[in-house]
Protein backbone atom coordinates (compact mmCIF):
# COMPACT_ATOMS: atom_id res chain seq x y z
CA MET A 1 97.36 -146.90 -26.13
CA LYS A 2 101.09 -147.15 -25.98
CA THR A 3 102.92 -147.65 -29.28
CA GLY A 4 104.57 -150.90 -28.15
CA VAL A 5 101.26 -152.46 -27.09
CA LYS A 6 99.58 -151.30 -30.31
CA SER A 7 102.36 -152.85 -32.41
CA LEU A 8 102.05 -156.10 -30.48
CA LEU A 9 98.31 -156.27 -31.14
CA VAL A 10 98.80 -155.57 -34.84
CA TRP A 11 101.42 -158.31 -35.02
CA ALA A 12 99.09 -160.75 -33.25
CA ALA A 13 96.26 -159.92 -35.66
CA LEU A 14 98.52 -160.51 -38.66
CA ALA A 15 99.80 -163.77 -37.22
CA ALA A 16 96.21 -165.03 -36.89
CA THR A 17 95.47 -164.22 -40.55
CA PRO A 18 96.21 -166.93 -43.16
CA VAL A 19 99.04 -165.94 -45.46
CA LEU A 20 97.95 -165.69 -49.09
CA ALA A 21 100.19 -166.73 -51.94
CA GLN A 22 100.78 -163.67 -54.12
CA HIS A 23 100.52 -163.90 -57.90
CA GLU A 24 102.83 -161.82 -60.03
CA GLN A 25 101.33 -161.18 -63.45
CA ALA A 26 103.61 -161.57 -66.44
CA PRO A 27 103.39 -159.21 -69.43
CA GLY A 28 100.26 -159.98 -71.40
CA GLU A 29 98.32 -161.50 -68.49
CA ARG A 30 96.31 -158.35 -67.88
CA PRO A 31 93.32 -157.53 -70.12
CA SER A 32 94.47 -156.00 -73.39
CA GLY A 33 92.87 -155.13 -76.72
CA THR A 34 96.01 -156.14 -78.59
CA GLY A 35 95.02 -159.76 -78.85
CA ALA A 36 91.23 -159.34 -79.06
CA LEU A 37 89.12 -161.41 -81.45
CA THR A 38 88.04 -158.75 -83.96
CA PRO A 39 85.17 -158.76 -86.53
CA LEU A 40 87.76 -159.10 -89.30
CA MET A 41 89.22 -162.18 -87.65
CA LEU A 42 85.75 -163.68 -87.20
CA ARG A 43 84.96 -163.12 -90.89
CA THR A 44 88.26 -164.71 -91.90
CA LEU A 45 87.56 -167.75 -89.74
CA LYS A 46 84.05 -168.14 -91.14
CA GLU A 47 85.30 -167.98 -94.72
CA SER A 48 88.00 -170.58 -93.97
CA VAL A 49 85.34 -173.29 -93.49
CA PRO A 50 83.05 -173.34 -96.55
CA MET A 51 80.33 -175.95 -96.05
CA THR A 52 81.13 -178.19 -98.99
CA PRO A 53 78.93 -181.26 -99.59
CA GLN A 54 81.54 -183.39 -97.80
CA LEU A 55 81.64 -181.10 -94.75
CA GLN A 56 77.85 -180.91 -94.70
CA ALA A 57 77.70 -184.71 -94.69
CA ASP A 58 80.14 -184.75 -91.76
CA ARG A 59 78.04 -182.14 -89.97
CA ASN A 60 74.87 -184.20 -90.46
CA ALA A 61 76.54 -187.33 -89.15
CA LEU A 62 78.00 -185.56 -86.10
CA ALA A 63 74.55 -184.19 -85.21
CA ASP A 64 73.45 -187.67 -84.10
CA HIS A 65 76.67 -189.65 -83.51
CA SER A 66 79.73 -189.40 -81.32
CA VAL A 67 83.05 -188.42 -82.88
CA ARG A 68 84.65 -191.69 -81.77
CA SER A 69 81.97 -193.86 -83.40
CA LEU A 70 82.33 -192.06 -86.74
CA ALA A 71 86.13 -192.07 -86.65
CA ILE A 72 86.56 -195.84 -86.17
CA ASN A 73 88.65 -197.37 -88.94
CA ALA A 74 86.57 -200.47 -89.75
CA ASP A 75 89.13 -201.84 -92.21
CA LEU A 76 91.84 -201.81 -89.52
CA GLU A 77 89.49 -203.59 -87.09
CA ASN A 78 88.68 -206.24 -89.67
CA ARG A 79 92.37 -206.89 -90.32
CA THR A 80 93.06 -207.47 -86.62
CA ASP A 81 92.41 -210.92 -85.18
CA THR A 82 92.40 -211.66 -81.47
CA PHE A 83 94.57 -214.77 -81.53
CA PHE A 84 97.73 -214.99 -79.42
CA ASN A 85 100.39 -217.67 -79.68
CA HIS A 86 101.25 -217.48 -75.98
CA VAL A 87 98.64 -216.91 -73.26
CA ILE A 88 98.90 -217.33 -69.50
CA GLN A 89 96.47 -220.11 -68.70
CA GLU A 90 93.57 -219.59 -66.27
CA PRO A 91 94.35 -216.10 -64.94
CA GLY A 92 91.04 -216.04 -63.09
CA SER A 93 87.63 -214.61 -63.89
CA ILE A 94 87.19 -211.02 -65.09
CA ALA A 95 86.73 -208.50 -62.28
CA ASN A 96 84.70 -205.29 -62.29
CA GLN A 97 85.77 -202.14 -60.47
CA LYS A 98 82.43 -200.53 -61.45
CA GLN A 99 82.09 -196.86 -60.48
CA SER A 100 85.40 -196.57 -58.68
CA GLY A 101 88.97 -195.63 -59.58
CA ARG A 102 90.59 -198.74 -58.14
CA CYS A 103 92.11 -199.98 -61.42
CA TRP A 104 95.61 -199.97 -59.89
CA LEU A 105 94.38 -202.19 -57.04
CA PHE A 106 92.44 -204.59 -59.25
CA ALA A 107 95.42 -204.91 -61.59
CA GLY A 108 97.81 -205.38 -58.66
CA LEU A 109 95.75 -208.16 -57.10
CA ASN A 110 95.05 -209.78 -60.48
CA VAL A 111 98.79 -210.04 -61.20
CA LEU A 112 99.13 -212.27 -58.15
CA ARG A 113 96.27 -214.66 -59.01
CA PRO A 114 97.55 -216.96 -61.78
CA GLU A 115 100.40 -218.40 -59.74
CA VAL A 116 98.05 -219.11 -56.82
CA ILE A 117 95.46 -220.76 -59.09
CA ALA A 118 98.11 -222.92 -60.75
CA GLU A 119 99.95 -223.93 -57.57
CA HIS A 120 96.82 -224.91 -55.65
CA LYS A 121 94.90 -226.22 -58.69
CA MET A 122 91.98 -223.89 -57.95
CA LYS A 123 88.86 -223.64 -60.08
CA ASP A 124 88.93 -219.86 -59.67
CA PHE A 125 90.32 -217.32 -57.22
CA MET A 126 90.00 -213.62 -56.50
CA LEU A 127 91.46 -211.47 -53.75
CA SER A 128 89.31 -208.97 -51.87
CA GLN A 129 89.64 -205.47 -53.26
CA ALA A 130 87.42 -204.02 -50.51
CA TYR A 131 89.77 -205.27 -47.76
CA GLU A 132 92.74 -203.44 -49.24
CA GLN A 133 90.52 -200.45 -50.09
CA PHE A 134 89.55 -200.02 -46.43
CA TYR A 135 93.14 -199.70 -45.28
CA GLN A 136 94.11 -197.73 -48.36
CA LYS A 137 91.60 -195.01 -47.44
CA LEU A 138 92.59 -195.00 -43.78
CA GLU A 139 96.30 -194.82 -44.56
CA ALA A 140 95.76 -192.15 -47.22
CA ALA A 141 93.80 -190.04 -44.73
CA ASN A 142 96.61 -190.34 -42.19
CA ARG A 143 99.21 -189.48 -44.84
CA SER A 144 97.26 -186.38 -45.87
CA LEU A 145 96.84 -185.18 -42.31
CA GLU A 146 100.57 -185.64 -41.68
CA LEU A 147 101.23 -183.56 -44.79
CA ALA A 148 98.79 -180.95 -43.45
CA ILE A 149 100.89 -180.69 -40.29
CA SER A 150 104.06 -180.31 -42.36
CA LEU A 151 102.41 -177.69 -44.60
CA ARG A 152 100.73 -175.75 -41.81
CA GLN A 153 102.69 -172.58 -42.63
CA GLU A 154 102.23 -172.90 -46.40
CA PRO A 155 100.36 -169.87 -47.82
CA ILE A 156 96.75 -170.40 -48.86
CA HIS A 157 96.42 -170.85 -52.64
CA SER A 158 100.08 -171.61 -53.19
CA ARG A 159 100.60 -174.27 -55.85
CA ARG A 160 101.90 -176.69 -53.25
CA LEU A 161 98.90 -176.28 -50.96
CA ASP A 162 96.35 -176.27 -53.78
CA THR A 163 97.79 -179.52 -55.13
CA PHE A 164 97.57 -181.01 -51.66
CA LEU A 165 93.96 -179.90 -51.08
CA GLN A 166 92.82 -181.18 -54.48
CA HIS A 167 94.09 -184.67 -53.71
CA LEU A 168 93.41 -185.21 -50.02
CA ILE A 169 91.87 -188.60 -50.69
CA SER A 170 90.91 -190.38 -53.90
CA ASP A 171 90.60 -193.79 -55.48
CA GLY A 172 93.82 -193.38 -57.47
CA GLY A 173 97.02 -195.27 -56.80
CA ASN A 174 99.99 -197.16 -58.21
CA TRP A 175 101.90 -200.38 -57.72
CA ASN A 176 103.79 -199.05 -54.68
CA TYR A 177 100.38 -198.62 -53.01
CA VAL A 178 99.55 -202.31 -53.62
CA GLN A 179 102.89 -203.47 -52.32
CA ALA A 180 102.72 -201.35 -49.15
CA LEU A 181 99.17 -202.48 -48.34
CA ILE A 182 99.81 -206.20 -48.71
CA GLN A 183 103.08 -206.05 -46.81
CA LYS A 184 101.43 -204.28 -43.86
CA TYR A 185 97.90 -205.68 -43.82
CA GLY A 186 98.10 -208.97 -45.69
CA ALA A 187 95.22 -210.05 -47.88
CA VAL A 188 91.95 -211.98 -47.77
CA PRO A 189 89.87 -213.82 -50.39
CA GLU A 190 87.15 -211.85 -52.14
CA SER A 191 84.44 -214.03 -50.59
CA VAL A 192 85.56 -213.05 -47.08
CA MET A 193 85.12 -209.31 -47.69
CA PRO A 194 83.27 -208.71 -50.99
CA ASP A 195 82.53 -205.31 -52.49
CA ASP A 196 79.55 -203.54 -50.96
CA TYR A 197 77.86 -200.68 -52.79
CA ALA A 198 80.25 -198.01 -51.49
CA ALA A 199 83.30 -200.04 -52.48
CA SER A 200 82.32 -200.11 -56.14
CA HIS A 201 80.49 -196.75 -56.14
CA SER A 202 82.98 -194.81 -54.04
CA GLY A 203 82.14 -191.21 -54.94
CA GLU A 204 79.83 -190.47 -52.01
CA MET A 205 82.10 -192.16 -49.46
CA ASP A 206 85.14 -190.30 -50.79
CA ALA A 207 83.27 -186.98 -50.68
CA LEU A 208 82.37 -187.50 -47.02
CA MET A 209 85.94 -188.32 -46.08
CA ALA A 210 87.31 -185.43 -48.10
CA ALA A 211 84.94 -183.01 -46.36
CA ARG A 212 86.01 -184.26 -42.93
CA LEU A 213 89.69 -184.08 -43.89
CA ARG A 214 89.37 -180.51 -45.20
CA LYS A 215 87.78 -179.53 -41.90
CA ALA A 216 90.71 -181.15 -40.10
CA VAL A 217 93.23 -179.33 -42.28
CA ALA A 218 91.59 -176.01 -41.42
CA GLU A 219 91.68 -176.93 -37.70
CA ILE A 220 95.35 -177.94 -37.92
CA ARG A 221 96.32 -174.66 -39.57
CA ARG A 222 94.22 -172.60 -37.17
CA SER A 223 95.64 -174.41 -34.13
CA ALA A 224 99.18 -173.94 -35.47
CA ARG A 225 98.62 -170.18 -35.77
CA ASN A 226 97.45 -170.20 -32.17
CA GLY A 227 100.68 -171.81 -31.04
CA ALA A 228 99.82 -175.52 -30.93
CA ASP A 229 102.82 -177.83 -31.14
CA ALA A 230 103.12 -181.01 -33.24
CA ALA A 231 101.75 -183.25 -30.46
CA GLN A 232 98.64 -181.11 -30.13
CA LEU A 233 98.18 -181.06 -33.92
CA ARG A 234 98.28 -184.84 -33.96
CA GLU A 235 95.41 -184.87 -31.47
CA VAL A 236 93.42 -183.00 -34.12
CA LYS A 237 94.57 -185.61 -36.61
CA MET A 238 93.40 -188.49 -34.41
CA SER A 239 89.98 -186.93 -33.98
CA ALA A 240 89.59 -186.77 -37.76
CA LEU A 241 90.92 -190.31 -38.23
CA ARG A 242 88.31 -191.66 -35.81
CA ASP A 243 85.62 -190.15 -38.03
CA VAL A 244 87.26 -191.48 -41.18
CA TYR A 245 87.39 -194.96 -39.65
CA LYS A 246 83.72 -194.69 -38.74
CA ILE A 247 82.79 -193.72 -42.32
CA LEU A 248 84.78 -196.65 -43.68
CA ALA A 249 83.35 -199.13 -41.17
CA LEU A 250 79.79 -198.10 -42.02
CA CYS A 251 80.32 -198.04 -45.80
CA LEU A 252 82.64 -201.01 -46.28
CA GLY A 253 82.33 -202.98 -43.04
CA LYS A 254 85.16 -203.68 -40.61
CA PRO A 255 87.96 -205.82 -42.08
CA PRO A 256 88.23 -209.32 -40.59
CA GLU A 257 91.03 -210.05 -38.16
CA THR A 258 90.58 -213.82 -38.53
CA PHE A 259 88.46 -215.90 -40.88
CA GLN A 260 87.76 -219.44 -42.03
CA TRP A 261 88.10 -220.27 -45.71
CA ARG A 262 88.31 -223.10 -48.19
CA TYR A 263 88.33 -223.34 -51.96
CA GLN A 264 87.22 -225.62 -54.77
CA ARG A 265 89.81 -227.37 -56.88
CA LYS A 266 89.60 -227.95 -60.63
CA ASP A 267 88.67 -231.58 -60.00
CA GLY A 268 85.63 -230.45 -58.02
CA LYS A 269 87.03 -231.39 -54.63
CA VAL A 270 86.98 -228.87 -51.79
CA SER A 271 90.01 -228.08 -49.66
CA PRO A 272 89.91 -228.47 -45.86
CA LEU A 273 88.36 -225.56 -43.95
CA LYS A 274 91.15 -223.64 -42.22
CA ARG A 275 91.43 -220.52 -40.08
CA TYR A 276 93.65 -217.65 -41.20
CA THR A 277 94.62 -214.14 -40.32
CA PRO A 278 95.11 -211.78 -43.28
CA GLN A 279 98.86 -212.03 -42.69
CA SER A 280 98.97 -215.84 -42.46
CA PHE A 281 96.76 -216.11 -45.55
CA CYS A 282 99.17 -213.84 -47.41
CA ARG A 283 102.18 -215.91 -46.34
CA THR A 284 100.47 -219.15 -47.33
CA PHE A 285 99.17 -218.14 -50.74
CA LEU A 286 101.04 -215.02 -51.90
CA GLY A 287 104.43 -215.31 -50.24
CA ASP A 288 106.32 -212.54 -48.49
CA ASP A 289 108.51 -211.02 -51.18
CA LEU A 290 106.63 -208.43 -53.25
CA SER A 291 109.88 -206.48 -53.50
CA ARG A 292 110.80 -208.72 -56.42
CA TYR A 293 108.67 -206.48 -58.62
CA VAL A 294 110.39 -203.44 -60.14
CA SER A 295 108.79 -200.33 -61.65
CA PHE A 296 109.86 -199.04 -65.07
CA VAL A 297 108.42 -196.06 -66.94
CA ASN A 298 108.70 -194.44 -70.32
CA TYR A 299 108.80 -190.69 -69.61
CA PRO A 300 110.37 -189.10 -72.71
CA GLY A 301 110.44 -185.66 -71.09
CA GLU A 302 112.93 -186.87 -68.47
CA PRO A 303 116.48 -188.30 -68.87
CA MET A 304 116.58 -191.88 -70.10
CA HIS A 305 118.07 -194.52 -67.78
CA ALA A 306 117.50 -192.19 -64.82
CA HIS A 307 115.95 -193.18 -61.50
CA LEU A 308 112.82 -191.05 -60.96
CA GLU A 309 110.84 -190.41 -57.78
CA TRP A 310 107.55 -188.55 -57.35
CA ALA A 311 107.06 -186.47 -54.19
CA TRP A 312 104.00 -187.34 -52.07
CA GLU A 313 103.07 -190.30 -54.30
CA ARG A 314 102.60 -192.78 -51.48
CA ASN A 315 99.56 -194.07 -49.63
CA MET A 316 101.19 -194.22 -46.20
CA ALA A 317 102.92 -191.60 -44.10
CA ASP A 318 105.82 -194.03 -43.67
CA GLY A 319 105.50 -195.73 -47.05
CA PRO A 320 107.79 -195.31 -50.05
CA ASN A 321 107.17 -192.69 -52.70
CA MET A 322 106.41 -193.96 -56.17
CA ASP A 323 109.67 -194.43 -58.07
CA ALA A 324 110.76 -195.99 -61.35
CA VAL A 325 113.61 -196.31 -63.82
CA ASN A 326 113.02 -194.39 -67.06
CA LEU A 327 113.49 -196.58 -70.13
CA ARG A 328 112.91 -196.67 -73.86
CA MET A 329 109.82 -198.55 -74.99
CA LYS A 330 111.92 -201.16 -76.77
CA GLU A 331 113.59 -202.05 -73.47
CA MET A 332 110.25 -202.21 -71.65
CA ALA A 333 108.67 -204.39 -74.35
CA ALA A 334 111.57 -206.85 -74.20
CA MET A 335 111.08 -207.38 -70.45
CA VAL A 336 107.31 -207.73 -70.82
CA LEU A 337 107.82 -210.35 -73.54
CA LYS A 338 110.16 -212.39 -71.33
CA SER A 339 107.65 -212.19 -68.48
CA ILE A 340 104.69 -213.38 -70.52
CA LEU A 341 106.64 -216.21 -72.14
CA ALA A 342 107.49 -217.36 -68.59
CA ASP A 343 103.77 -217.18 -67.62
CA GLN A 344 104.29 -214.14 -65.39
CA PRO A 345 101.54 -211.49 -65.92
CA VAL A 346 102.56 -207.83 -66.05
CA TRP A 347 100.90 -204.85 -64.35
CA PHE A 348 100.98 -201.78 -66.61
CA GLY A 349 99.69 -198.21 -66.78
CA ALA A 350 98.41 -196.66 -70.02
CA ASN A 351 96.24 -193.88 -71.39
CA SER A 352 92.99 -195.78 -71.85
CA SER A 353 91.34 -192.62 -73.21
CA ALA A 354 93.53 -192.86 -76.31
CA GLU A 355 92.16 -194.16 -79.59
CA GLY A 356 90.35 -197.44 -79.37
CA ASP A 357 87.09 -199.34 -79.69
CA VAL A 358 86.10 -200.19 -76.13
CA LYS A 359 83.00 -202.11 -77.22
CA LYS A 360 85.13 -204.58 -79.19
CA GLY A 361 88.12 -204.42 -76.84
CA LEU A 362 90.58 -203.08 -79.40
CA TRP A 363 93.27 -200.49 -78.71
CA LEU A 364 95.03 -200.09 -82.05
CA GLN A 365 97.18 -197.28 -83.36
CA ASP A 366 95.19 -195.18 -85.92
CA ILE A 367 91.93 -196.99 -85.18
CA GLU A 368 90.30 -193.56 -84.78
CA ASP A 369 90.74 -191.55 -87.95
CA THR A 370 89.86 -188.10 -86.63
CA ARG A 371 92.38 -186.52 -88.97
CA ASP A 372 90.40 -187.49 -92.07
CA LEU A 373 87.04 -186.83 -90.39
CA PHE A 374 87.93 -183.23 -89.54
CA GLY A 375 90.83 -182.57 -91.88
CA ILE A 376 92.94 -181.56 -88.88
CA ASP A 377 96.27 -182.95 -87.67
CA PHE A 378 95.88 -183.64 -83.93
CA SER A 379 99.15 -185.56 -83.53
CA MET A 380 101.67 -184.75 -80.79
CA SER A 381 104.84 -186.47 -79.66
CA LYS A 382 104.65 -188.62 -76.55
CA ALA A 383 106.87 -186.14 -74.71
CA ASP A 384 104.62 -183.19 -75.63
CA THR A 385 101.53 -185.22 -74.78
CA LEU A 386 102.79 -185.60 -71.22
CA ALA A 387 104.26 -182.14 -70.85
CA TYR A 388 101.13 -180.36 -72.04
CA ASP A 389 98.54 -182.63 -70.36
CA ASN A 390 97.16 -184.00 -73.61
CA GLY A 391 97.25 -187.60 -72.42
CA THR A 392 98.64 -189.16 -69.26
CA PRO A 393 98.61 -192.70 -67.88
CA ASN A 394 95.10 -193.00 -66.43
CA HIS A 395 94.38 -196.71 -66.16
CA ALA A 396 96.14 -199.85 -64.90
CA MET A 397 95.58 -203.32 -66.35
CA VAL A 398 97.34 -206.67 -66.70
CA ILE A 399 99.08 -208.14 -69.75
CA THR A 400 98.38 -211.89 -69.91
CA GLY A 401 99.27 -212.88 -73.48
CA VAL A 402 101.33 -212.01 -76.53
CA ASP A 403 101.29 -212.72 -80.26
CA VAL A 404 104.85 -213.06 -81.55
CA GLN A 405 105.61 -213.01 -85.26
CA GLU A 406 109.20 -213.58 -86.49
CA GLY A 407 110.47 -213.01 -82.94
CA ILE A 408 108.67 -209.65 -82.55
CA PRO A 409 105.58 -209.02 -80.38
CA VAL A 410 102.86 -207.61 -82.63
CA LYS A 411 100.05 -207.46 -80.09
CA TRP A 412 99.26 -208.11 -76.44
CA LYS A 413 96.32 -209.71 -74.62
CA VAL A 414 95.05 -207.60 -71.74
CA GLU A 415 92.94 -208.43 -68.70
CA ASN A 416 90.84 -205.39 -67.82
CA SER A 417 88.72 -204.66 -64.74
CA TRP A 418 85.63 -203.21 -66.41
CA GLY A 419 83.51 -206.35 -66.23
CA LYS A 420 82.53 -208.92 -68.85
CA LYS A 421 80.26 -206.53 -70.78
CA SER A 422 83.25 -204.43 -71.82
CA GLY A 423 85.54 -205.43 -74.66
CA ASP A 424 85.67 -209.10 -75.67
CA LYS A 425 83.98 -210.49 -72.53
CA GLY A 426 86.35 -208.35 -70.46
CA TRP A 427 89.50 -208.98 -72.53
CA PHE A 428 91.26 -206.38 -74.68
CA THR A 429 93.83 -206.42 -77.48
CA ILE A 430 96.64 -203.86 -77.79
CA ASP A 431 98.83 -203.72 -80.88
CA SER A 432 102.55 -202.98 -80.62
CA GLN A 433 102.23 -199.47 -82.09
CA TRP A 434 99.56 -198.50 -79.55
CA PHE A 435 101.70 -200.07 -76.82
CA ASP A 436 104.67 -197.89 -77.76
CA ARG A 437 102.58 -194.71 -77.97
CA HIS A 438 100.20 -194.98 -75.02
CA VAL A 439 101.79 -197.31 -72.41
CA PHE A 440 103.81 -195.45 -69.78
CA GLN A 441 104.63 -197.86 -66.97
CA VAL A 442 105.20 -201.58 -66.38
CA ILE A 443 105.89 -203.60 -63.23
CA VAL A 444 108.25 -206.50 -63.94
CA ASP A 445 109.59 -209.33 -61.82
CA ARG A 446 113.31 -208.60 -61.48
CA ARG A 447 114.07 -212.04 -62.96
CA PHE A 448 113.19 -210.64 -66.36
CA ALA A 449 115.11 -207.36 -66.10
CA PRO A 450 118.70 -207.12 -67.40
CA PRO A 451 121.23 -206.56 -64.57
CA LYS A 452 122.36 -203.26 -66.12
CA LEU A 453 118.81 -201.91 -65.84
CA LEU A 454 118.30 -203.21 -62.31
CA ALA A 455 121.51 -201.44 -61.29
CA LEU A 456 119.93 -198.11 -62.21
CA ILE A 457 117.59 -198.41 -59.21
CA LYS A 458 120.57 -197.73 -56.96
CA GLN A 459 121.07 -194.27 -58.48
CA LYS A 460 120.05 -191.26 -56.45
CA PRO A 461 116.59 -190.46 -57.82
CA ILE A 462 115.53 -187.28 -59.56
CA LEU A 463 112.71 -185.95 -57.37
CA LEU A 464 109.71 -184.75 -59.37
CA PRO A 465 107.06 -182.42 -57.88
CA PRO A 466 103.63 -183.51 -56.61
CA TRP A 467 101.98 -181.79 -59.60
CA ASP A 468 104.02 -183.64 -62.20
CA PRO A 469 101.59 -184.63 -65.02
CA PHE A 470 102.79 -188.22 -65.02
CA THR A 471 100.99 -188.85 -61.72
CA ASP A 472 97.72 -187.03 -62.41
CA TRP A 473 96.00 -190.43 -62.65
CA VAL A 474 97.45 -191.57 -59.31
CA ASN A 475 95.73 -188.68 -57.57
CA GLY A 476 92.36 -189.14 -59.20
CA GLN A 477 90.05 -191.66 -60.81
CA GLU A 478 90.56 -192.88 -64.31
């Protein structure tokens, strides 16, 4: 075989082989006896925890009870009432996302309900989560496949590609997802397209779509190595999207293109039966301008009063990335207070895994006294909590009330989406200290934002990477 032909064949073989991301080990990464756990260290550790009568009592209690149940500060609970001196009237009945990670969607749709109920004097009203969920999944699949085409030369196991593959499709999302969906697809009442099993128990459906998308990503990368151009890669994409659509249609049902609907008023009368499209229904009941809502975050690890943007955090290939203005909690609380006093509910994202009593619906600072239970200081700053993945925003809800004492908000009333068996018949209370420590994002009508803060949106944003810890919850379920 001639040398030139042999070289060409070797080059072709290498070109057909996926490129692997190489890992360079830093000093200390390799196995070493220097830092081994020795018998002397083990003996020292054992002697540092003598089983005193108090520790033995703790051990006995922990044998049959959860840490959280034993750490609850009953005195703090008893001192906290659930009265609020300003509450948004008739926000609608409590919803239940069940076994799905659609909190962001439930909260987004619930924010829009009170104004509709009040304006049309409805007895109750709920928007269809399943309708938006259908298009959310389809759009997210398309977005991921477009990213797969863009990343077709990215080495296998690089951080960028691993992040992408881990989050091909999920239930997670943010306010920009809600806004993009309603603006493009409109909305329908919950009765027109209610939740089926797969909508509220989405794990199996998501797993099927993820498997099909991973297969498509492999096909896209293989076809690219074989010389396929972008048009040919999008044919692979369309084949996968047809299967995704089929999965969604079978699990959720096809979304209606037109429908008839009427509602019951508070006085018991029923409105005339009318025909709508999702778009005309949206125009009639929700209006057209969701851009009036502005996103603000408290991200102490990033510059204050900066405009932030998160790469890839969008649910549509042509939709906007998640972005927000970074503020101090005092500034965020002031806008939330103005909103609630004007009967405008507020979408917000928090760490719902932080200390609280979910059974009673109380999220209070220091309600879980793990420090005294274990004799260990677990505290971290909010900045370190984010930076070191010790607590990120993982759940979206709606603030619907406030208790103001001497001009200062001391606690907030929260509409959750965990059903009526959770909390106080579905309602939760957050005190101001917990709010400052564990709330990370709020969506506020621009009417209640100071002009100087609104102006910050015009700044060129700081682009954060897809693996930024702030958006871990967006990519997964809470």
